[in-house]
Amino acid sequence: MGGEPNNTFFRSEPGGREAAPGPLALVQAFVNTVATEGDLHWEAFADADSMRSWLVRRELLAAGDPVWEADVVRARETREALRALLAANNGCEVDAGAVGVLNRAAERARLGVRFGDDGGAALRAKAGGVDGAIGAVLAAAHAGMGEGTWGRLKACANGGCAWAFYDRSRNRSSRWCSMAVCGNRTKTRAYRRRAGAREP
């Protein structure tokens, strides 16, 4: 199912969290274009039309720009590669395959440094179309790294969720998008495993 989610589970920020600040809000929104909860599944990039709508609404793509199924595949691959980096921000190993996907996406976007009128520098995509739109997301990730906020953007430690959330805790110790949902589920599963292991 494409478009915007209408189920209450698929709200923008579980657990009442605020969205990521600054450029990371775009990265978070891009990674959270897919969600699964039990039998419910939502995919903003279900096909070329739904992905075009998402990118146009965020002013990453002109309404008349073509979007092909191959673009959808690459966008999904890039999204999951970013999610893998967010999992690394939450204690997982950095996935070398994900790094390769992101490097190829950056090459297709032809990312380069551009200086503004104020003398500040930022990464900008020279490519147009979907590759340029993906490049804007990668540039936003780079900006967050430069600002020192990147490490707070994480993928939920509940493997069945992996929703991107921004950890505002003082010591950066949040592991789940929502303690009330994913945190409790994870702890309940762990308790049941331990209890089962103790049974004769």
N, C-alpha and C. Protein backbone atom coordinates (compact mmCIF):
# COMPACT_ATOMS: atom_id res chain seq x y z
N MET A 1 0.84 -1.17 0.00
CA MET A 1 0.00 0.00 0.00
C MET A 1 0.89 1.24 0.00
N GLY A 2 0.63 2.19 -0.91
CA GLY A 2 1.43 3.41 -0.99
C GLY A 2 0.74 4.58 -0.32
N GLY A 3 1.22 5.78 -0.60
CA GLY A 3 0.64 6.98 -0.02
C GLY A 3 1.08 7.18 1.41
N GLU A 4 0.31 7.98 2.13
CA GLU A 4 0.61 8.23 3.54
C GLU A 4 -0.12 7.21 4.40
N PRO A 5 0.46 6.81 5.51
CA PRO A 5 -0.20 5.82 6.36
C PRO A 5 -1.44 6.40 7.02
N ASN A 6 -2.50 5.59 7.11
CA ASN A 6 -3.70 6.06 7.78
C ASN A 6 -3.98 5.28 9.05
N ASN A 7 -3.24 4.22 9.30
CA ASN A 7 -3.40 3.46 10.52
C ASN A 7 -2.70 4.20 11.66
N THR A 8 -3.28 4.18 12.86
CA THR A 8 -2.67 4.92 13.96
C THR A 8 -1.31 4.39 14.34
N PHE A 9 -1.03 3.11 14.08
CA PHE A 9 0.30 2.59 14.40
C PHE A 9 1.36 3.30 13.58
N PHE A 10 1.05 3.59 12.34
CA PHE A 10 2.03 4.16 11.43
C PHE A 10 2.06 5.69 11.54
N ARG A 11 2.06 6.18 12.75
CA ARG A 11 2.18 7.62 12.95
C ARG A 11 3.64 8.01 12.79
N SER A 12 3.89 9.28 12.70
CA SER A 12 5.25 9.72 12.38
C SER A 12 6.25 9.38 13.47
N GLU A 13 5.89 9.53 14.73
CA GLU A 13 6.84 9.30 15.81
C GLU A 13 6.23 8.48 16.94
N PRO A 14 6.57 7.19 17.01
CA PRO A 14 6.05 6.37 18.11
C PRO A 14 6.55 6.88 19.46
N GLY A 15 5.79 6.61 20.49
CA GLY A 15 6.22 6.96 21.84
C GLY A 15 6.23 8.45 22.11
N GLY A 16 5.58 9.24 21.27
CA GLY A 16 5.53 10.68 21.48
C GLY A 16 6.86 11.38 21.28
N ARG A 17 7.78 10.74 20.59
CA ARG A 17 9.09 11.36 20.34
C ARG A 17 8.96 12.51 19.34
N GLU A 18 9.85 13.48 19.46
CA GLU A 18 9.93 14.54 18.46
C GLU A 18 10.76 14.02 17.29
N ALA A 19 10.47 14.56 16.12
CA ALA A 19 11.26 14.19 14.93
C ALA A 19 12.69 14.67 15.09
N ALA A 20 13.57 14.09 14.32
CA ALA A 20 14.97 14.50 14.33
C ALA A 20 15.08 15.97 13.93
N PRO A 21 16.07 16.67 14.45
CA PRO A 21 16.23 18.09 14.12
C PRO A 21 16.97 18.30 12.81
N GLY A 22 16.80 19.49 12.26
CA GLY A 22 17.58 19.93 11.11
C GLY A 22 17.54 18.96 9.94
N PRO A 23 18.67 18.76 9.29
CA PRO A 23 18.70 17.93 8.09
C PRO A 23 18.37 16.47 8.34
N LEU A 24 18.54 16.00 9.58
CA LEU A 24 18.26 14.60 9.86
C LEU A 24 16.77 14.27 9.78
N ALA A 25 15.91 15.29 9.85
CA ALA A 25 14.47 15.04 9.70
C ALA A 25 14.18 14.41 8.34
N LEU A 26 14.89 14.85 7.31
CA LEU A 26 14.70 14.27 5.98
C LEU A 26 15.18 12.83 5.94
N VAL A 27 16.32 12.55 6.53
CA VAL A 27 16.85 11.18 6.56
C VAL A 27 15.86 10.28 7.29
N GLN A 28 15.38 10.74 8.43
CA GLN A 28 14.44 9.96 9.22
C GLN A 28 13.16 9.68 8.43
N ALA A 29 12.63 10.70 7.77
CA ALA A 29 11.40 10.52 6.99
C ALA A 29 11.63 9.53 5.85
N PHE A 30 12.79 9.60 5.20
CA PHE A 30 13.11 8.70 4.09
C PHE A 30 13.21 7.26 4.58
N VAL A 31 13.91 7.04 5.68
CA VAL A 31 14.05 5.68 6.21
C VAL A 31 12.70 5.14 6.66
N ASN A 32 11.85 5.99 7.18
CA ASN A 32 10.55 5.55 7.69
C ASN A 32 9.46 5.54 6.61
N THR A 33 9.85 5.31 5.37
CA THR A 33 8.86 5.19 4.30
C THR A 33 8.33 3.77 4.17
N VAL A 34 8.69 2.91 5.09
CA VAL A 34 8.13 1.56 5.14
C VAL A 34 7.94 1.20 6.61
N ALA A 35 6.86 0.50 6.91
CA ALA A 35 6.59 0.08 8.28
C ALA A 35 5.78 -1.20 8.27
N THR A 36 6.04 -2.03 9.26
CA THR A 36 5.31 -3.28 9.41
C THR A 36 4.95 -3.45 10.87
N GLU A 37 3.72 -3.86 11.12
CA GLU A 37 3.27 -4.18 12.47
C GLU A 37 2.31 -5.34 12.36
N GLY A 38 2.77 -6.53 12.75
CA GLY A 38 1.94 -7.72 12.60
C GLY A 38 1.62 -7.96 11.14
N ASP A 39 0.32 -8.01 10.82
CA ASP A 39 -0.12 -8.23 9.44
C ASP A 39 -0.22 -6.93 8.65
N LEU A 40 -0.03 -5.80 9.30
CA LEU A 40 -0.14 -4.51 8.62
C LEU A 40 1.20 -4.14 7.98
N HIS A 41 1.14 -3.65 6.76
CA HIS A 41 2.36 -3.22 6.06
C HIS A 41 2.03 -1.96 5.27
N TRP A 42 2.91 -0.98 5.39
CA TRP A 42 2.76 0.26 4.64
C TRP A 42 4.07 0.54 3.93
N GLU A 43 3.99 0.89 2.66
CA GLU A 43 5.17 1.15 1.83
C GLU A 43 4.92 2.40 0.99
N ALA A 44 5.63 3.49 1.29
CA ALA A 44 5.48 4.72 0.52
C ALA A 44 6.06 4.59 -0.87
N PHE A 45 7.00 3.67 -1.04
CA PHE A 45 7.62 3.44 -2.34
C PHE A 45 7.11 2.14 -2.95
N ALA A 46 5.79 1.96 -2.89
CA ALA A 46 5.18 0.74 -3.42
C ALA A 46 5.37 0.62 -4.92
N ASP A 47 5.39 1.75 -5.61
CA ASP A 47 5.58 1.76 -7.06
C ASP A 47 6.10 3.14 -7.45
N ALA A 48 6.31 3.32 -8.74
CA ALA A 48 6.89 4.58 -9.22
C ALA A 48 5.99 5.78 -8.89
N ASP A 49 4.68 5.63 -9.04
CA ASP A 49 3.77 6.75 -8.77
C ASP A 49 3.78 7.17 -7.31
N SER A 50 3.73 6.19 -6.41
CA SER A 50 3.70 6.54 -4.98
C SER A 50 5.03 7.15 -4.55
N MET A 51 6.14 6.66 -5.11
CA MET A 51 7.43 7.24 -4.75
C MET A 51 7.55 8.66 -5.30
N ARG A 52 7.08 8.88 -6.54
CA ARG A 52 7.10 10.23 -7.10
C ARG A 52 6.32 11.18 -6.21
N SER A 53 5.14 10.77 -5.77
CA SER A 53 4.32 11.63 -4.90
C SER A 53 5.06 12.00 -3.63
N TRP A 54 5.72 11.01 -3.02
CA TRP A 54 6.46 11.27 -1.77
C TRP A 54 7.58 12.27 -2.02
N LEU A 55 8.34 12.07 -3.08
CA LEU A 55 9.48 12.95 -3.38
C LEU A 55 9.02 14.36 -3.77
N VAL A 56 7.93 14.46 -4.53
CA VAL A 56 7.42 15.77 -4.95
C VAL A 56 6.91 16.54 -3.73
N ARG A 57 6.17 15.86 -2.83
CA ARG A 57 5.67 16.54 -1.62
C ARG A 57 6.80 17.13 -0.79
N ARG A 58 7.94 16.50 -0.83
CA ARG A 58 9.09 16.99 -0.05
C ARG A 58 10.02 17.87 -0.87
N GLU A 59 9.56 18.23 -2.06
CA GLU A 59 10.29 19.14 -2.96
C GLU A 59 11.68 18.61 -3.31
N LEU A 60 11.78 17.29 -3.42
CA LEU A 60 13.03 16.65 -3.83
C LEU A 60 13.02 16.31 -5.31
N LEU A 61 11.85 16.43 -5.93
CA LEU A 61 11.67 16.04 -7.32
C LEU A 61 10.62 16.95 -7.95
N ALA A 62 10.85 17.35 -9.19
CA ALA A 62 9.84 18.13 -9.91
C ALA A 62 8.70 17.21 -10.32
N ALA A 63 7.49 17.73 -10.33
CA ALA A 63 6.31 16.91 -10.61
C ALA A 63 6.39 16.20 -11.96
N GLY A 64 7.04 16.80 -12.94
CA GLY A 64 7.12 16.20 -14.26
C GLY A 64 8.28 15.24 -14.47
N ASP A 65 9.15 15.11 -13.48
CA ASP A 65 10.30 14.21 -13.64
C ASP A 65 9.85 12.76 -13.69
N PRO A 66 10.43 11.98 -14.60
CA PRO A 66 10.04 10.57 -14.68
C PRO A 66 10.61 9.77 -13.50
N VAL A 67 9.86 8.75 -13.11
CA VAL A 67 10.32 7.80 -12.09
C VAL A 67 10.05 6.41 -12.65
N TRP A 68 11.08 5.59 -12.69
CA TRP A 68 10.99 4.25 -13.25
C TRP A 68 11.06 3.22 -12.12
N GLU A 69 10.64 2.01 -12.43
CA GLU A 69 10.70 0.95 -11.42
C GLU A 69 12.13 0.72 -10.94
N ALA A 70 13.11 0.87 -11.81
CA ALA A 70 14.52 0.73 -11.39
C ALA A 70 14.88 1.79 -10.36
N ASP A 71 14.28 2.99 -10.47
CA ASP A 71 14.50 4.04 -9.47
C ASP A 71 13.94 3.62 -8.11
N VAL A 72 12.77 2.98 -8.15
CA VAL A 72 12.14 2.51 -6.91
C VAL A 72 13.05 1.49 -6.22
N VAL A 73 13.58 0.57 -7.01
CA VAL A 73 14.47 -0.46 -6.45
C VAL A 73 15.70 0.19 -5.81
N ARG A 74 16.30 1.15 -6.50
CA ARG A 74 17.50 1.81 -5.96
C ARG A 74 17.17 2.63 -4.72
N ALA A 75 16.02 3.29 -4.72
CA ALA A 75 15.63 4.08 -3.54
C ALA A 75 15.41 3.18 -2.34
N ARG A 76 14.77 2.04 -2.55
CA ARG A 76 14.56 1.10 -1.44
C ARG A 76 15.89 0.56 -0.93
N GLU A 77 16.80 0.23 -1.85
CA GLU A 77 18.13 -0.25 -1.44
C GLU A 77 18.86 0.81 -0.62
N THR A 78 18.78 2.05 -1.06
CA THR A 78 19.43 3.15 -0.34
C THR A 78 18.80 3.33 1.03
N ARG A 79 17.49 3.25 1.08
CA ARG A 79 16.77 3.38 2.36
C ARG A 79 17.24 2.32 3.35
N GLU A 80 17.33 1.07 2.89
CA GLU A 80 17.73 -0.01 3.80
C GLU A 80 19.20 0.09 4.17
N ALA A 81 20.02 0.63 3.28
CA ALA A 81 21.43 0.85 3.61
C ALA A 81 21.56 1.93 4.69
N LEU A 82 20.76 2.98 4.58
CA LEU A 82 20.75 4.01 5.63
C LEU A 82 20.26 3.42 6.94
N ARG A 83 19.23 2.57 6.87
CA ARG A 83 18.71 1.93 8.09
C ARG A 83 19.82 1.10 8.75
N ALA A 84 20.64 0.44 7.94
CA ALA A 84 21.75 -0.35 8.50
C ALA A 84 22.74 0.55 9.24
N LEU A 85 23.00 1.75 8.72
CA LEU A 85 23.87 2.68 9.44
C LEU A 85 23.22 3.15 10.74
N LEU A 86 21.90 3.32 10.71
CA LEU A 86 21.20 3.73 11.93
C LEU A 86 21.21 2.60 12.96
N ALA A 87 21.20 1.35 12.49
CA ALA A 87 21.34 0.21 13.41
C ALA A 87 22.74 0.22 14.03
N ALA A 88 23.74 0.62 13.24
CA ALA A 88 25.10 0.74 13.79
C ALA A 88 25.15 1.82 14.86
N ASN A 89 24.34 2.87 14.71
CA ASN A 89 24.26 3.90 15.75
C ASN A 89 23.62 3.37 17.02
N ASN A 90 22.99 2.18 16.92
CA ASN A 90 22.32 1.56 18.06
C ASN A 90 23.03 0.28 18.50
N GLY A 91 24.33 0.18 18.18
CA GLY A 91 25.13 -0.92 18.71
C GLY A 91 25.44 -2.06 17.77
N CYS A 92 24.87 -2.07 16.57
CA CYS A 92 25.18 -3.13 15.60
C CYS A 92 26.49 -2.82 14.88
N GLU A 93 27.04 -3.83 14.23
CA GLU A 93 28.24 -3.63 13.42
C GLU A 93 27.88 -2.85 12.16
N VAL A 94 28.82 -2.08 11.65
CA VAL A 94 28.61 -1.38 10.38
C VAL A 94 28.60 -2.43 9.27
N ASP A 95 27.59 -2.39 8.44
CA ASP A 95 27.41 -3.34 7.34
C ASP A 95 28.16 -2.84 6.11
N ALA A 96 29.21 -3.58 5.72
CA ALA A 96 30.03 -3.16 4.57
C ALA A 96 29.21 -3.11 3.29
N GLY A 97 28.26 -4.01 3.13
CA GLY A 97 27.41 -3.99 1.95
C GLY A 97 26.58 -2.73 1.88
N ALA A 98 26.07 -2.29 3.02
CA ALA A 98 25.29 -1.05 3.07
C ALA A 98 26.15 0.14 2.70
N VAL A 99 27.38 0.15 3.17
CA VAL A 99 28.30 1.24 2.83
C VAL A 99 28.51 1.29 1.33
N GLY A 100 28.66 0.13 0.70
CA GLY A 100 28.83 0.07 -0.75
C GLY A 100 27.62 0.62 -1.49
N VAL A 101 26.42 0.27 -1.03
CA VAL A 101 25.19 0.79 -1.64
C VAL A 101 25.16 2.31 -1.56
N LEU A 102 25.51 2.86 -0.40
CA LEU A 102 25.47 4.31 -0.22
C LEU A 102 26.53 5.01 -1.06
N ASN A 103 27.70 4.41 -1.18
CA ASN A 103 28.74 5.00 -2.02
C ASN A 103 28.31 5.03 -3.49
N ARG A 104 27.67 3.96 -3.94
CA ARG A 104 27.19 3.94 -5.34
C ARG A 104 26.09 4.98 -5.55
N ALA A 105 25.20 5.13 -4.56
CA ALA A 105 24.14 6.14 -4.66
C ALA A 105 24.74 7.55 -4.70
N ALA A 106 25.77 7.78 -3.90
CA ALA A 106 26.43 9.10 -3.89
C ALA A 106 27.09 9.37 -5.24
N GLU A 107 27.67 8.34 -5.85
CA GLU A 107 28.29 8.51 -7.17
C GLU A 107 27.24 8.83 -8.23
N ARG A 108 26.10 8.12 -8.19
CA ARG A 108 25.03 8.39 -9.16
C ARG A 108 24.49 9.81 -8.99
N ALA A 109 24.43 10.27 -7.74
CA ALA A 109 23.91 11.63 -7.46
C ALA A 109 24.92 12.70 -7.82
N ARG A 110 26.18 12.30 -8.03
CA ARG A 110 27.27 13.24 -8.31
C ARG A 110 27.33 14.33 -7.24
N LEU A 111 27.44 13.86 -5.99
CA LEU A 111 27.52 14.79 -4.87
C LEU A 111 28.82 15.58 -4.93
N GLY A 112 28.73 16.86 -4.66
CA GLY A 112 29.91 17.72 -4.64
C GLY A 112 29.71 18.86 -3.68
N VAL A 113 30.81 19.45 -3.26
CA VAL A 113 30.75 20.58 -2.33
C VAL A 113 30.37 21.84 -3.09
N ARG A 114 29.41 22.58 -2.54
CA ARG A 114 29.00 23.87 -3.10
C ARG A 114 29.10 24.92 -2.01
N PHE A 115 29.63 26.08 -2.37
CA PHE A 115 29.73 27.18 -1.42
C PHE A 115 28.60 28.16 -1.66
N GLY A 116 27.98 28.61 -0.56
CA GLY A 116 26.88 29.56 -0.65
C GLY A 116 27.37 30.99 -0.55
N ASP A 117 26.45 31.93 -0.71
CA ASP A 117 26.77 33.36 -0.63
C ASP A 117 27.35 33.75 0.73
N ASP A 118 27.00 32.98 1.76
CA ASP A 118 27.51 33.29 3.09
C ASP A 118 28.89 32.68 3.34
N GLY A 119 29.43 31.98 2.34
CA GLY A 119 30.74 31.36 2.48
C GLY A 119 30.70 29.97 3.06
N GLY A 120 29.52 29.52 3.49
CA GLY A 120 29.38 28.17 4.03
C GLY A 120 29.35 27.13 2.92
N ALA A 121 29.80 25.94 3.24
CA ALA A 121 29.84 24.86 2.25
C ALA A 121 28.86 23.76 2.62
N ALA A 122 28.30 23.13 1.60
CA ALA A 122 27.39 22.00 1.80
C ALA A 122 27.51 21.06 0.61
N LEU A 123 27.15 19.81 0.84
CA LEU A 123 27.10 18.85 -0.27
C LEU A 123 25.82 19.09 -1.06
N ARG A 124 25.92 19.05 -2.36
CA ARG A 124 24.77 19.18 -3.25
C ARG A 124 24.88 18.14 -4.35
N ALA A 125 23.73 17.63 -4.77
CA ALA A 125 23.69 16.67 -5.87
C ALA A 125 23.70 17.43 -7.19
N LYS A 126 24.59 17.02 -8.09
CA LYS A 126 24.61 17.60 -9.44
C LYS A 126 23.63 16.88 -10.35
N ALA A 127 23.32 15.63 -10.03
CA ALA A 127 22.38 14.85 -10.83
C ALA A 127 20.97 15.36 -10.59
N GLY A 128 20.11 15.18 -11.57
CA GLY A 128 18.71 15.51 -11.42
C GLY A 128 17.90 14.25 -11.17
N GLY A 129 16.60 14.39 -11.21
CA GLY A 129 15.71 13.24 -11.08
C GLY A 129 15.83 12.53 -9.75
N VAL A 130 15.52 11.26 -9.77
CA VAL A 130 15.53 10.46 -8.54
C VAL A 130 16.93 10.36 -7.96
N ASP A 131 17.95 10.23 -8.81
CA ASP A 131 19.31 10.16 -8.28
C ASP A 131 19.66 11.43 -7.51
N GLY A 132 19.23 12.58 -8.01
CA GLY A 132 19.46 13.83 -7.29
C GLY A 132 18.68 13.89 -5.99
N ALA A 133 17.45 13.36 -6.01
CA ALA A 133 16.63 13.35 -4.79
C ALA A 133 17.29 12.48 -3.72
N ILE A 134 17.76 11.31 -4.12
CA ILE A 134 18.46 10.44 -3.18
C ILE A 134 19.73 11.13 -2.70
N GLY A 135 20.41 11.83 -3.60
CA GLY A 135 21.60 12.58 -3.21
C GLY A 135 21.30 13.62 -2.14
N ALA A 136 20.13 14.25 -2.21
CA ALA A 136 19.76 15.24 -1.19
C ALA A 136 19.61 14.57 0.18
N VAL A 137 19.09 13.35 0.19
CA VAL A 137 18.97 12.61 1.45
C VAL A 137 20.35 12.27 2.00
N LEU A 138 21.25 11.82 1.12
CA LEU A 138 22.61 11.50 1.55
C LEU A 138 23.34 12.75 2.04
N ALA A 139 23.12 13.87 1.36
CA ALA A 139 23.73 15.13 1.79
C ALA A 139 23.22 15.53 3.17
N ALA A 140 21.94 15.27 3.44
CA ALA A 140 21.37 15.56 4.76
C ALA A 140 22.02 14.69 5.83
N ALA A 141 22.28 13.42 5.50
CA ALA A 141 22.97 12.54 6.45
C ALA A 141 24.37 13.08 6.73
N HIS A 142 25.06 13.50 5.69
CA HIS A 142 26.40 14.06 5.84
C HIS A 142 26.37 15.31 6.71
N ALA A 143 25.37 16.16 6.50
CA ALA A 143 25.25 17.38 7.30
C ALA A 143 25.03 17.04 8.78
N GLY A 144 24.20 16.03 9.05
CA GLY A 144 23.98 15.60 10.43
C GLY A 144 25.25 15.08 11.07
N MET A 145 26.05 14.37 10.28
CA MET A 145 27.34 13.90 10.80
C MET A 145 28.23 15.09 11.16
N GLY A 146 28.23 16.10 10.29
CA GLY A 146 29.05 17.28 10.55
C GLY A 146 28.58 18.07 11.76
N GLU A 147 27.28 18.05 12.02
CA GLU A 147 26.72 18.78 13.16
C GLU A 147 26.87 18.00 14.47
N GLY A 148 27.24 16.74 14.37
CA GLY A 148 27.39 15.91 15.57
C GLY A 148 26.10 15.30 16.07
N THR A 149 25.03 15.36 15.28
CA THR A 149 23.74 14.81 15.70
C THR A 149 23.48 13.42 15.12
N TRP A 150 24.27 13.00 14.15
CA TRP A 150 24.05 11.74 13.44
C TRP A 150 23.95 10.55 14.40
N GLY A 151 24.81 10.46 15.38
CA GLY A 151 24.83 9.30 16.29
C GLY A 151 23.56 9.13 17.09
N ARG A 152 22.74 10.16 17.15
CA ARG A 152 21.46 10.07 17.88
C ARG A 152 20.33 9.53 17.01
N LEU A 153 20.51 9.49 15.71
CA LEU A 153 19.48 8.93 14.83
C LEU A 153 19.74 7.43 14.74
N LYS A 154 18.79 6.64 15.20
CA LYS A 154 18.98 5.19 15.36
C LYS A 154 17.84 4.41 14.74
N ALA A 155 18.11 3.15 14.44
CA ALA A 155 17.06 2.20 14.06
C ALA A 155 16.66 1.46 15.33
N CYS A 156 15.37 1.30 15.55
CA CYS A 156 14.85 0.61 16.72
C CYS A 156 15.51 -0.76 16.85
N ALA A 157 15.89 -1.12 18.08
CA ALA A 157 16.58 -2.39 18.34
C ALA A 157 15.65 -3.59 18.22
N ASN A 158 14.34 -3.36 18.14
CA ASN A 158 13.41 -4.45 17.89
C ASN A 158 13.50 -4.76 16.40
N GLY A 159 14.11 -5.89 16.06
CA GLY A 159 14.36 -6.24 14.67
C GLY A 159 13.13 -6.25 13.79
N GLY A 160 11.97 -6.56 14.36
CA GLY A 160 10.74 -6.55 13.58
C GLY A 160 10.21 -5.16 13.30
N CYS A 161 10.82 -4.17 13.91
CA CYS A 161 10.39 -2.78 13.75
C CYS A 161 11.42 -2.00 12.93
N ALA A 162 12.58 -1.74 13.52
CA ALA A 162 13.69 -1.01 12.87
C ALA A 162 13.30 0.40 12.43
N TRP A 163 12.26 0.98 13.06
CA TRP A 163 11.83 2.35 12.77
C TRP A 163 12.93 3.31 13.17
N ALA A 164 13.16 4.33 12.37
CA ALA A 164 14.18 5.33 12.69
C ALA A 164 13.63 6.31 13.72
N PHE A 165 14.39 6.53 14.79
CA PHE A 165 13.98 7.48 15.82
C PHE A 165 15.19 8.29 16.25
N TYR A 166 14.90 9.45 16.81
CA TYR A 166 15.97 10.34 17.28
C TYR A 166 16.06 10.23 18.79
N ASP A 167 17.22 9.83 19.27
CA ASP A 167 17.47 9.60 20.70
C ASP A 167 17.85 10.92 21.36
N ARG A 168 16.94 11.47 22.15
CA ARG A 168 17.20 12.73 22.84
C ARG A 168 17.64 12.51 24.29
N SER A 169 17.86 11.26 24.69
CA SER A 169 18.29 11.02 26.07
C SER A 169 19.67 11.62 26.30
N ARG A 170 19.91 12.01 27.53
CA ARG A 170 21.17 12.70 27.85
C ARG A 170 22.39 11.84 27.51
N ASN A 171 22.31 10.54 27.82
CA ASN A 171 23.48 9.68 27.58
C ASN A 171 23.35 8.83 26.30
N ARG A 172 22.42 9.19 25.45
CA ARG A 172 22.23 8.50 24.16
C ARG A 172 21.99 7.00 24.34
N SER A 173 21.21 6.63 25.33
CA SER A 173 21.04 5.22 25.67
C SER A 173 19.73 4.61 25.19
N SER A 174 18.86 5.37 24.53
CA SER A 174 17.59 4.81 24.05
C SER A 174 17.86 3.74 23.00
N ARG A 175 17.14 2.63 23.10
CA ARG A 175 17.34 1.53 22.16
C ARG A 175 16.13 1.29 21.26
N TRP A 176 14.93 1.68 21.75
CA TRP A 176 13.71 1.38 21.03
C TRP A 176 12.99 2.65 20.62
N CYS A 177 12.23 2.56 19.54
CA CYS A 177 11.45 3.72 19.09
C CYS A 177 10.43 4.11 20.14
N SER A 178 9.90 3.10 20.84
CA SER A 178 8.94 3.33 21.91
C SER A 178 9.16 2.28 22.99
N MET A 179 9.47 2.71 24.18
CA MET A 179 9.65 1.77 25.29
C MET A 179 8.35 1.03 25.56
N ALA A 180 7.22 1.73 25.43
CA ALA A 180 5.92 1.13 25.73
C ALA A 180 5.54 0.04 24.74
N VAL A 181 6.04 0.11 23.52
CA VAL A 181 5.69 -0.90 22.52
C VAL A 181 6.87 -1.82 22.28
N CYS A 182 7.86 -1.37 21.57
CA CYS A 182 8.98 -2.24 21.18
C CYS A 182 9.84 -2.64 22.37
N GLY A 183 10.08 -1.73 23.31
CA GLY A 183 10.88 -2.06 24.48
C GLY A 183 10.22 -3.15 25.30
N ASN A 184 8.93 -3.01 25.58
CA ASN A 184 8.22 -4.03 26.36
C ASN A 184 8.16 -5.36 25.63
N ARG A 185 7.94 -5.34 24.33
CA ARG A 185 7.88 -6.59 23.57
C ARG A 185 9.22 -7.32 23.63
N THR A 186 10.29 -6.57 23.44
CA THR A 186 11.62 -7.18 23.46
C THR A 186 11.92 -7.76 24.83
N LYS A 187 11.60 -7.03 25.88
CA LYS A 187 11.86 -7.53 27.24
C LYS A 187 10.98 -8.73 27.56
N THR A 188 9.74 -8.74 27.09
CA THR A 188 8.85 -9.88 27.32
C THR A 188 9.39 -11.12 26.62
N ARG A 189 9.84 -10.97 25.38
CA ARG A 189 10.42 -12.12 24.65
C ARG A 189 11.64 -12.66 25.38
N ALA A 190 12.50 -11.76 25.85
CA ALA A 190 13.71 -12.19 26.56
C ALA A 190 13.34 -12.92 27.85
N TYR A 191 12.33 -12.43 28.56
CA TYR A 191 11.89 -13.08 29.79
C TYR A 191 11.37 -14.48 29.49
N ARG A 192 10.56 -14.61 28.45
CA ARG A 192 10.00 -15.92 28.09
C ARG A 192 11.10 -16.90 27.70
N ARG A 193 12.12 -16.41 26.99
CA ARG A 193 13.24 -17.30 26.63
C ARG A 193 13.96 -17.78 27.89
N ARG A 194 14.21 -16.87 28.81
CA ARG A 194 14.90 -17.25 30.06
C ARG A 194 14.05 -18.22 30.87
N ALA A 195 12.74 -17.94 30.96
CA ALA A 195 11.85 -18.80 31.73
C ALA A 195 11.77 -20.19 31.10
N GLY A 196 11.73 -20.24 29.77
CA GLY A 196 11.70 -21.53 29.07
C GLY A 196 12.98 -22.32 29.26
N ALA A 197 14.09 -21.62 29.33
CA ALA A 197 15.39 -22.30 29.51
C ALA A 197 15.51 -22.88 30.91
N ARG A 198 14.79 -22.30 31.89
CA ARG A 198 14.88 -22.80 33.27
C ARG A 198 13.99 -24.01 33.51
N GLU A 199 13.02 -24.25 32.62
CA GLU A 199 12.09 -25.36 32.82
C GLU A 199 12.82 -26.68 32.64
N PRO A 200 12.50 -27.70 33.50
CA PRO A 200 13.19 -29.00 33.40
C PRO A 200 12.84 -29.74 32.14
